[in-house]
Amino acid sequence: MTSDRKEAFRQWTAITISAFALMFTFLRGPLSVTFRATVEDVLRQELARHDTSAASEARLHKPQDPANEVLVRLEQDLAAIRAQAATIQPTDNKLLLEISKGLSAMESKLDRLTQEVQMERKLQGGHDRP
């Protein structure tokens, strides 16, 4: 009789485990969709919050952008000219002298522009205060 009980227990255990496996399989799809939707909602909220803070920062820095763009563009041109000058043969002395003069002129213009921008910012900062 104990062997019959063991066999019945094994059969019921196999049926129970199979039933749980089937239930898990059927519920896995809807649970994963629900979880995915919840995660997507949380991500959307976080991204929306981040976008609004990034937009406010962009509005704060926007008045500085045109002056900075000019300076960045001049610095890039200066770097390109220097790179080009580095690749030129040392036998081209006239060309090197012309490039050197151009570089020094651009550097002085860039220095003047940066000073003017700094002065304008100081003046604007002084006028904004009550």
C-alpha atoms as a PDB file:
ATOM      1  CA  MET A   1       0.000   0.000   0.000  1.00  0.00           C
ATOM      2  CA  THR A   2       2.869   2.374   0.607  1.00  0.00           C
ATOM      3  CA  SER A   3       4.029   1.875  -2.958  1.00  0.00           C
ATOM      4  CA  ASP A   4       0.521   2.847  -4.191  1.00  0.00           C
ATOM      5  CA  ARG A   5       0.665   6.026  -2.107  1.00  0.00           C
ATOM      6  CA  LYS A   6       4.125   6.865  -3.441  1.00  0.00           C
ATOM      7  CA  GLU A   7       2.940   6.335  -6.998  1.00  0.00           C
ATOM      8  CA  ALA A   8      -0.173   8.471  -6.445  1.00  0.00           C
ATOM      9  CA  PHE A   9       1.959  11.180  -4.833  1.00  0.00           C
ATOM     10  CA  ARG A  10       4.334  11.146  -7.809  1.00  0.00           C
ATOM     11  CA  GLN A  11       1.431  11.371 -10.267  1.00  0.00           C
ATOM     12  CA  TRP A  12      -0.212  14.274  -8.398  1.00  0.00           C
ATOM     13  CA  THR A  13       3.148  16.021  -8.074  1.00  0.00           C
ATOM     14  CA  ALA A  14       3.752  15.698 -11.815  1.00  0.00           C
ATOM     15  CA  ILE A  15       0.240  16.998 -12.574  1.00  0.00           C
ATOM     16  CA  THR A  16       0.616  19.908 -10.114  1.00  0.00           C
ATOM     17  CA  ILE A  17       4.024  20.928 -11.457  1.00  0.00           C
ATOM     18  CA  SER A  18       2.733  20.728 -15.033  1.00  0.00           C
ATOM     19  CA  ALA A  19      -0.311  22.828 -14.107  1.00  0.00           C
ATOM     20  CA  PHE A  20       1.890  25.471 -12.468  1.00  0.00           C
ATOM     21  CA  ALA A  21       4.171  25.487 -15.507  1.00  0.00           C
ATOM     22  CA  LEU A  22       1.182  25.988 -17.824  1.00  0.00           C
ATOM     23  CA  MET A  23      -0.216  28.771 -15.640  1.00  0.00           C
ATOM     24  CA  PHE A  24       3.150  30.494 -15.589  1.00  0.00           C
ATOM     25  CA  THR A  25       3.439  30.159 -19.361  1.00  0.00           C
ATOM     26  CA  PHE A  26      -0.013  31.633 -19.940  1.00  0.00           C
ATOM     27  CA  LEU A  27       0.504  34.483 -17.475  1.00  0.00           C
ATOM     28  CA  ARG A  28       4.030  35.353 -18.545  1.00  0.00           C
ATOM     29  CA  GLY A  29       2.905  37.185 -21.692  1.00  0.00           C
ATOM     30  CA  PRO A  30       0.365  39.518 -20.051  1.00  0.00           C
ATOM     31  CA  LEU A  31       2.637  40.123 -17.069  1.00  0.00           C
ATOM     32  CA  SER A  32       5.564  41.064 -19.272  1.00  0.00           C
ATOM     33  CA  VAL A  33       3.376  43.403 -21.344  1.00  0.00           C
ATOM     34  CA  THR A  34       2.080  45.057 -18.170  1.00  0.00           C
ATOM     35  CA  PHE A  35       5.576  45.379 -16.755  1.00  0.00           C
ATOM     36  CA  ARG A  36       6.895  46.764 -20.039  1.00  0.00           C
ATOM     37  CA  ALA A  37       4.078  49.334 -20.184  1.00  0.00           C
ATOM     38  CA  THR A  38       4.796  50.409 -16.613  1.00  0.00           C
ATOM     39  CA  VAL A  39       8.495  50.801 -17.327  1.00  0.00           C
ATOM     40  CA  GLU A  40       7.753  52.777 -20.502  1.00  0.00           C
ATOM     41  CA  ASP A  41       5.428  55.113 -18.584  1.00  0.00           C
ATOM     42  CA  VAL A  42       8.062  55.754 -15.941  1.00  0.00           C
ATOM     43  CA  LEU A  43      10.684  56.389 -18.623  1.00  0.00           C
ATOM     44  CA  ARG A  44       8.391  58.826 -20.438  1.00  0.00           C
ATOM     45  CA  GLN A  45       7.797  60.763 -17.224  1.00  0.00           C
ATOM     46  CA  GLU A  46      11.517  60.935 -16.473  1.00  0.00           C
ATOM     47  CA  LEU A  47      12.369  61.988 -20.018  1.00  0.00           C
ATOM     48  CA  ALA A  48       9.662  64.656 -19.969  1.00  0.00           C
ATOM     49  CA  ARG A  49      11.029  65.987 -16.688  1.00  0.00           C
ATOM     50  CA  HIS A  50      14.569  65.967 -18.079  1.00  0.00           C
ATOM     51  CA  ASP A  51      13.492  67.638 -21.340  1.00  0.00           C
ATOM     52  CA  THR A  52      11.843  70.520 -19.498  1.00  0.00           C
ATOM     53  CA  SER A  53      14.957  71.131 -17.410  1.00  0.00           C
ATOM     54  CA  ALA A  54      17.151  70.906 -20.511  1.00  0.00           C
ATOM     55  CA  ALA A  55      14.846  73.326 -22.338  1.00  0.00           C
ATOM     56  CA  SER A  56      15.014  75.849 -19.494  1.00  0.00           C
ATOM     57  CA  GLU A  57      18.822  75.593 -19.460  1.00  0.00           C
ATOM     58  CA  ALA A  58      18.879  76.107 -23.223  1.00  0.00           C
ATOM     59  CA  ARG A  59      16.745  79.240 -22.843  1.00  0.00           C
ATOM     60  CA  LEU A  60      19.136  80.598 -20.236  1.00  0.00           C
ATOM     61  CA  HIS A  61      22.193  80.027 -22.417  1.00  0.00           C
ATOM     62  CA  LYS A  62      20.597  81.063 -25.713  1.00  0.00           C
ATOM     63  CA  PRO A  63      21.583  84.775 -25.596  1.00  0.00           C
ATOM     64  CA  GLN A  64      25.220  83.733 -25.285  1.00  0.00           C
ATOM     65  CA  ASP A  65      25.131  81.400 -28.271  1.00  0.00           C
ATOM     66  CA  PRO A  66      25.672  83.820 -31.227  1.00  0.00           C
ATOM     67  CA  ALA A  67      28.815  85.330 -29.720  1.00  0.00           C
ATOM     68  CA  ASN A  68      30.108  81.920 -28.713  1.00  0.00           C
ATOM     69  CA  GLU A  69      29.403  80.481 -32.162  1.00  0.00           C
ATOM     70  CA  VAL A  70      31.536  83.147 -33.812  1.00  0.00           C
ATOM     71  CA  LEU A  71      34.360  82.532 -31.389  1.00  0.00           C
ATOM     72  CA  VAL A  72      34.138  78.765 -31.794  1.00  0.00           C
ATOM     73  CA  ARG A  73      34.085  79.094 -35.574  1.00  0.00           C
ATOM     74  CA  LEU A  74      37.163  81.345 -35.512  1.00  0.00           C
ATOM     75  CA  GLU A  75      38.981  78.945 -33.210  1.00  0.00           C
ATOM     76  CA  GLN A  76      38.162  76.064 -35.549  1.00  0.00           C
ATOM     77  CA  ASP A  77      39.449  78.024 -38.539  1.00  0.00           C
ATOM     78  CA  LEU A  78      42.593  78.850 -36.633  1.00  0.00           C
ATOM     79  CA  ALA A  79      43.132  75.199 -35.747  1.00  0.00           C
ATOM     80  CA  ALA A  80      42.580  74.167 -39.372  1.00  0.00           C
ATOM     81  CA  ILE A  81      45.116  76.723 -40.603  1.00  0.00           C
ATOM     82  CA  ARG A  82      47.649  75.574 -38.019  1.00  0.00           C
ATOM     83  CA  ALA A  83      47.148  71.960 -39.049  1.00  0.00           C
ATOM     84  CA  GLN A  84      47.613  72.909 -42.674  1.00  0.00           C
ATOM     85  CA  ALA A  85      50.753  74.874 -41.807  1.00  0.00           C
ATOM     86  CA  ALA A  86      52.186  71.857 -40.033  1.00  0.00           C
ATOM     87  CA  THR A  87      51.951  69.742 -43.183  1.00  0.00           C
ATOM     88  CA  ILE A  88      53.725  72.269 -45.442  1.00  0.00           C
ATOM     89  CA  GLN A  89      57.319  71.670 -46.481  1.00  0.00           C
ATOM     90  CA  PRO A  90      59.875  73.905 -44.725  1.00  0.00           C
ATOM     91  CA  THR A  91      61.168  75.035 -48.131  1.00  0.00           C
ATOM     92  CA  ASP A  92      58.067  77.171 -48.691  1.00  0.00           C
ATOM     93  CA  ASN A  93      59.281  80.100 -46.584  1.00  0.00           C
ATOM     94  CA  LYS A  94      57.122  82.753 -48.271  1.00  0.00           C
ATOM     95  CA  LEU A  95      54.023  80.706 -47.750  1.00  0.00           C
ATOM     96  CA  LEU A  96      54.953  80.048 -44.148  1.00  0.00           C
ATOM     97  CA  LEU A  97      55.476  83.761 -43.533  1.00  0.00           C
ATOM     98  CA  GLU A  98      52.076  84.571 -45.030  1.00  0.00           C
ATOM     99  CA  ILE A  99      50.413  81.906 -42.943  1.00  0.00           C
ATOM    100  CA  SER A 100      52.208  83.171 -39.850  1.00  0.00           C
ATOM    101  CA  LYS A 101      50.997  86.722 -40.499  1.00  0.00           C
ATOM    102  CA  GLY A 102      47.468  85.462 -41.090  1.00  0.00           C
ATOM    103  CA  LEU A 103      47.540  83.430 -37.904  1.00  0.00           C
ATOM    104  CA  SER A 104      48.777  86.311 -35.817  1.00  0.00           C
ATOM    105  CA  ALA A 105      46.117  88.603 -37.321  1.00  0.00           C
ATOM    106  CA  MET A 106      43.418  86.049 -36.590  1.00  0.00           C
ATOM    107  CA  GLU A 107      44.691  85.578 -33.040  1.00  0.00           C
ATOM    108  CA  SER A 108      44.630  89.310 -32.369  1.00  0.00           C
ATOM    109  CA  LYS A 109      41.092  89.571 -33.806  1.00  0.00           C
ATOM    110  CA  LEU A 110      40.016  86.623 -31.709  1.00  0.00           C
ATOM    111  CA  ASP A 111      41.506  88.192 -28.587  1.00  0.00           C
ATOM    112  CA  ARG A 112      39.719  91.481 -29.297  1.00  0.00           C
ATOM    113  CA  LEU A 113      36.430  89.665 -29.894  1.00  0.00           C
ATOM    114  CA  THR A 114      36.699  87.709 -26.654  1.00  0.00           C
ATOM    115  CA  GLN A 115      37.460  90.902 -24.754  1.00  0.00           C
ATOM    116  CA  GLU A 116      34.473  92.664 -26.354  1.00  0.00           C
ATOM    117  CA  VAL A 117      32.167  89.776 -25.519  1.00  0.00           C
ATOM    118  CA  GLN A 118      33.377  89.726 -21.922  1.00  0.00           C
ATOM    119  CA  MET A 119      32.858  93.492 -21.641  1.00  0.00           C
ATOM    120  CA  GLU A 120      29.330  93.202 -23.092  1.00  0.00           C
ATOM    121  CA  ARG A 121      28.472  90.436 -20.643  1.00  0.00           C
ATOM    122  CA  LYS A 122      29.759  92.517 -17.744  1.00  0.00           C
ATOM    123  CA  LEU A 123      27.730  95.512 -18.923  1.00  0.00           C
ATOM    124  CA  GLN A 124      24.606  93.410 -19.399  1.00  0.00           C
ATOM    125  CA  GLY A 125      25.092  91.852 -15.983  1.00  0.00           C
ATOM    126  CA  GLY A 126      25.404  95.301 -14.408  1.00  0.00           C
ATOM    127  CA  HIS A 127      22.233  96.625 -16.059  1.00  0.00           C
ATOM    128  CA  ASP A 128      20.112  93.625 -15.108  1.00  0.00           C
ATOM    129  CA  ARG A 129      20.594  94.167 -11.386  1.00  0.00           C
ATOM    130  CA  PRO A 130      18.129  96.553  -9.611  1.00  0.00           C
END
